[in-house]
Amino acid sequence: MNVAVEIMTSCLLLSSVVTAQATYEFKSFQHPGATVTRVLGLNGQGQLVGMDDVIRGRHAFLAAGDNYVSLDRLGILGTHTSFDRGINNQGDIVGGYAGSDGKEHGFILREANVSKFDVPFPDAVGTQLNAINDSGVIVGVWVDRAFKGHGFIYENGNFFQLAVSRIA
């Protein structure tokens, strides 16, 4: 009988801990001067990445606290359309931009160096980088000539295509 009382007491104590809910604070973010601001990524340090229209077109940005930096202010990517989608805790940023060739290209911004990133698949007409983790693994989408999207993972110089199968 004592064992049953101890178990019940333990269950009651545990259930009160489990029912505790996390609290969240909603914060609005709009870059001054922008009519469109889209936050598309966030890391553990509270850095935000996305795109806005403060500069003509749509441009990638990085925001941390009160600091805001347009990542394509001078058209480094050679376009008026760029966007960040992901940032890891080391500050590596991935995203995409519309190239002068009319195609979407991915990019990686690491330690102030921008690298163009396109998948090497023969049918690819576009690459979009969506996220990067702290190990440098990137996930994204590539688009074929029929404008069908295909998921991929890029890790240590290797591409892995993602296939989705339907469950009946």
Protein backbone atom coordinates (compact mmCIF):
# COMPACT_ATOMS: atom_id res chain seq x y z
CA MET A 1 0.00 0.00 0.00
CA ASN A 2 2.85 2.41 0.82
CA VAL A 3 4.37 1.73 -2.60
CA ALA A 4 1.10 2.63 -4.32
CA VAL A 5 0.88 5.93 -2.39
CA GLU A 6 4.50 6.78 -3.28
CA ILE A 7 3.89 6.04 -6.97
CA MET A 8 0.72 8.14 -7.02
CA THR A 9 2.46 11.04 -5.25
CA SER A 10 5.34 10.87 -7.73
CA CYS A 11 2.92 10.86 -10.68
CA LEU A 12 1.09 13.92 -9.34
CA LEU A 13 4.35 15.81 -8.86
CA LEU A 14 5.59 14.87 -12.33
CA SER A 15 2.29 15.81 -13.98
CA SER A 16 2.47 19.29 -12.46
CA VAL A 17 5.96 19.73 -13.94
CA VAL A 18 4.90 18.42 -17.36
CA THR A 19 1.93 20.77 -17.60
CA ALA A 20 4.12 23.87 -17.16
CA GLN A 21 4.11 25.76 -20.44
CA ALA A 22 6.83 27.79 -22.06
CA THR A 23 6.12 31.48 -22.48
CA TYR A 24 6.91 33.32 -25.67
CA GLU A 25 7.14 36.97 -26.50
CA PHE A 26 5.95 38.24 -29.88
CA LYS A 27 8.05 41.00 -31.42
CA SER A 28 7.22 42.82 -34.61
CA PHE A 29 10.10 43.49 -37.01
CA GLN A 30 9.90 45.99 -39.84
CA HIS A 31 12.95 47.74 -41.20
CA PRO A 32 12.39 51.52 -41.27
CA GLY A 33 11.83 52.67 -44.81
CA ALA A 34 10.74 49.27 -46.07
CA THR A 35 7.26 48.54 -47.36
CA VAL A 36 8.03 44.79 -47.35
CA THR A 37 10.13 42.98 -44.73
CA ARG A 38 10.27 39.19 -44.64
CA VAL A 39 12.20 37.41 -41.91
CA LEU A 40 13.08 33.94 -43.21
CA GLY A 41 15.70 32.69 -40.75
CA LEU A 42 16.85 33.01 -37.15
CA ASN A 43 19.80 31.59 -35.22
CA GLY A 44 20.48 30.97 -31.52
CA GLN A 45 22.07 34.42 -31.08
CA GLY A 46 18.87 36.14 -32.21
CA GLN A 47 20.26 37.19 -35.60
CA LEU A 48 17.55 37.49 -38.26
CA VAL A 49 17.94 37.09 -42.02
CA GLY A 50 15.48 37.71 -44.82
CA MET A 51 14.71 40.29 -47.47
CA ASP A 52 13.20 43.74 -47.73
CA ASP A 53 12.73 46.56 -50.23
CA VAL A 54 14.60 49.43 -48.55
CA ILE A 55 16.87 49.51 -51.62
CA ARG A 56 15.21 49.29 -55.06
CA GLY A 57 14.17 45.68 -55.64
CA ARG A 58 14.30 43.02 -52.94
CA HIS A 59 17.54 42.57 -51.02
CA ALA A 60 18.96 40.21 -48.42
CA PHE A 61 19.56 41.58 -44.92
CA LEU A 62 21.04 40.61 -41.56
CA ALA A 63 19.61 42.10 -38.36
CA ALA A 64 20.89 41.67 -34.83
CA GLY A 65 19.45 43.76 -32.04
CA ASP A 66 19.41 47.35 -33.28
CA ASN A 67 21.98 46.65 -36.02
CA TYR A 68 20.77 46.16 -39.56
CA VAL A 69 22.93 45.40 -42.60
CA SER A 70 21.79 45.10 -46.19
CA LEU A 71 23.85 42.20 -47.53
CA ASP A 72 23.53 43.26 -51.15
CA ARG A 73 23.59 47.03 -50.83
CA LEU A 74 26.10 47.41 -53.68
CA GLY A 75 24.70 44.65 -55.84
CA ILE A 76 27.52 42.23 -54.95
CA LEU A 77 25.33 39.43 -56.21
CA GLY A 78 24.75 41.37 -59.43
CA THR A 79 21.01 41.59 -59.00
CA HIS A 80 18.11 43.55 -57.64
CA THR A 81 16.59 40.43 -56.13
CA SER A 82 18.28 38.53 -53.32
CA PHE A 83 17.10 36.86 -50.14
CA ASP A 84 18.57 35.09 -47.14
CA ARG A 85 16.77 32.02 -45.87
CA GLY A 86 19.02 30.55 -43.22
CA ILE A 87 21.74 31.44 -40.72
CA ASN A 88 23.60 29.13 -38.35
CA ASN A 89 25.13 29.96 -34.98
CA GLN A 90 28.54 30.68 -36.57
CA GLY A 91 26.90 33.39 -38.71
CA ASP A 92 27.09 31.50 -42.03
CA ILE A 93 24.20 32.65 -44.22
CA VAL A 94 22.55 30.88 -47.15
CA GLY A 95 20.04 32.20 -49.62
CA GLY A 96 19.43 32.90 -53.26
CA TYR A 97 19.41 35.57 -55.91
CA ALA A 98 18.11 36.16 -59.40
CA GLY A 99 21.08 36.17 -61.77
CA SER A 100 21.49 38.22 -64.92
CA ASP A 101 20.96 34.93 -66.79
CA GLY A 102 17.36 34.84 -65.54
CA LYS A 103 18.02 31.86 -63.26
CA GLU A 104 17.88 31.60 -59.50
CA HIS A 105 21.24 30.82 -57.90
CA GLY A 106 22.11 29.92 -54.35
CA PHE A 107 24.78 31.68 -52.33
CA ILE A 108 26.72 31.15 -49.13
CA LEU A 109 28.05 34.09 -47.13
CA ARG A 110 30.79 32.87 -44.80
CA GLU A 111 33.26 35.16 -43.02
CA ALA A 112 32.43 38.10 -45.34
CA ASN A 113 33.04 35.98 -48.49
CA VAL A 114 30.15 35.33 -50.87
CA SER A 115 30.20 32.12 -52.92
CA LYS A 116 27.76 31.29 -55.69
CA PHE A 117 26.22 27.85 -55.18
CA ASP A 118 24.48 25.89 -57.92
CA VAL A 119 23.67 22.19 -57.96
CA PRO A 120 25.67 20.28 -60.60
CA PHE A 121 22.71 18.35 -62.02
CA PRO A 122 22.34 18.56 -65.83
CA ASP A 123 18.62 19.41 -65.81
CA ALA A 124 18.93 22.13 -63.13
CA VAL A 125 17.75 25.62 -64.04
CA GLY A 126 17.64 27.01 -60.50
CA THR A 127 19.04 26.50 -57.01
CA GLN A 128 17.64 27.74 -53.71
CA LEU A 129 19.45 27.31 -50.39
CA ASN A 130 17.05 27.21 -47.46
CA ALA A 131 18.99 26.38 -44.29
CA ILE A 132 22.46 25.65 -42.91
CA ASN A 133 23.18 23.96 -39.61
CA ASP A 134 26.15 24.46 -37.29
CA SER A 135 28.01 21.58 -38.99
CA GLY A 136 27.72 23.34 -42.36
CA VAL A 137 25.14 20.93 -43.79
CA ILE A 138 22.88 22.76 -46.26
CA VAL A 139 19.37 21.88 -47.39
CA GLY A 140 17.71 23.36 -50.42
CA VAL A 141 15.70 22.90 -53.57
CA TRP A 142 16.78 22.68 -57.18
CA VAL A 143 14.39 23.24 -60.07
CA ASP A 144 14.45 21.21 -63.30
CA ARG A 145 13.56 22.33 -66.84
CA ALA A 146 9.91 21.39 -66.22
CA PHE A 147 9.98 23.77 -63.20
CA LYS A 148 9.57 20.89 -60.77
CA GLY A 149 11.32 21.32 -57.42
CA HIS A 150 13.60 18.64 -55.94
CA GLY A 151 14.98 18.66 -52.41
CA PHE A 152 18.65 18.09 -51.68
CA ILE A 153 21.17 17.98 -48.87
CA TYR A 154 24.75 19.18 -49.35
CA GLU A 155 27.32 17.86 -46.92
CA ASN A 156 31.12 17.82 -47.15
CA GLY A 157 31.11 18.35 -50.93
CA ASN A 158 28.47 15.70 -51.59
CA PHE A 159 24.92 16.15 -52.84
CA PHE A 160 22.11 13.87 -51.72
CA GLN A 161 18.77 14.17 -53.48
CA LEU A 162 15.65 13.84 -51.39
CA ALA A 163 12.76 11.82 -52.75
CA VAL A 164 9.29 11.76 -51.31
CA SER A 165 7.19 8.68 -51.70
CA ARG A 166 3.45 8.70 -51.25
CA ILE A 167 1.90 6.68 -48.51
CA ALA A 168 -1.29 5.01 -49.62
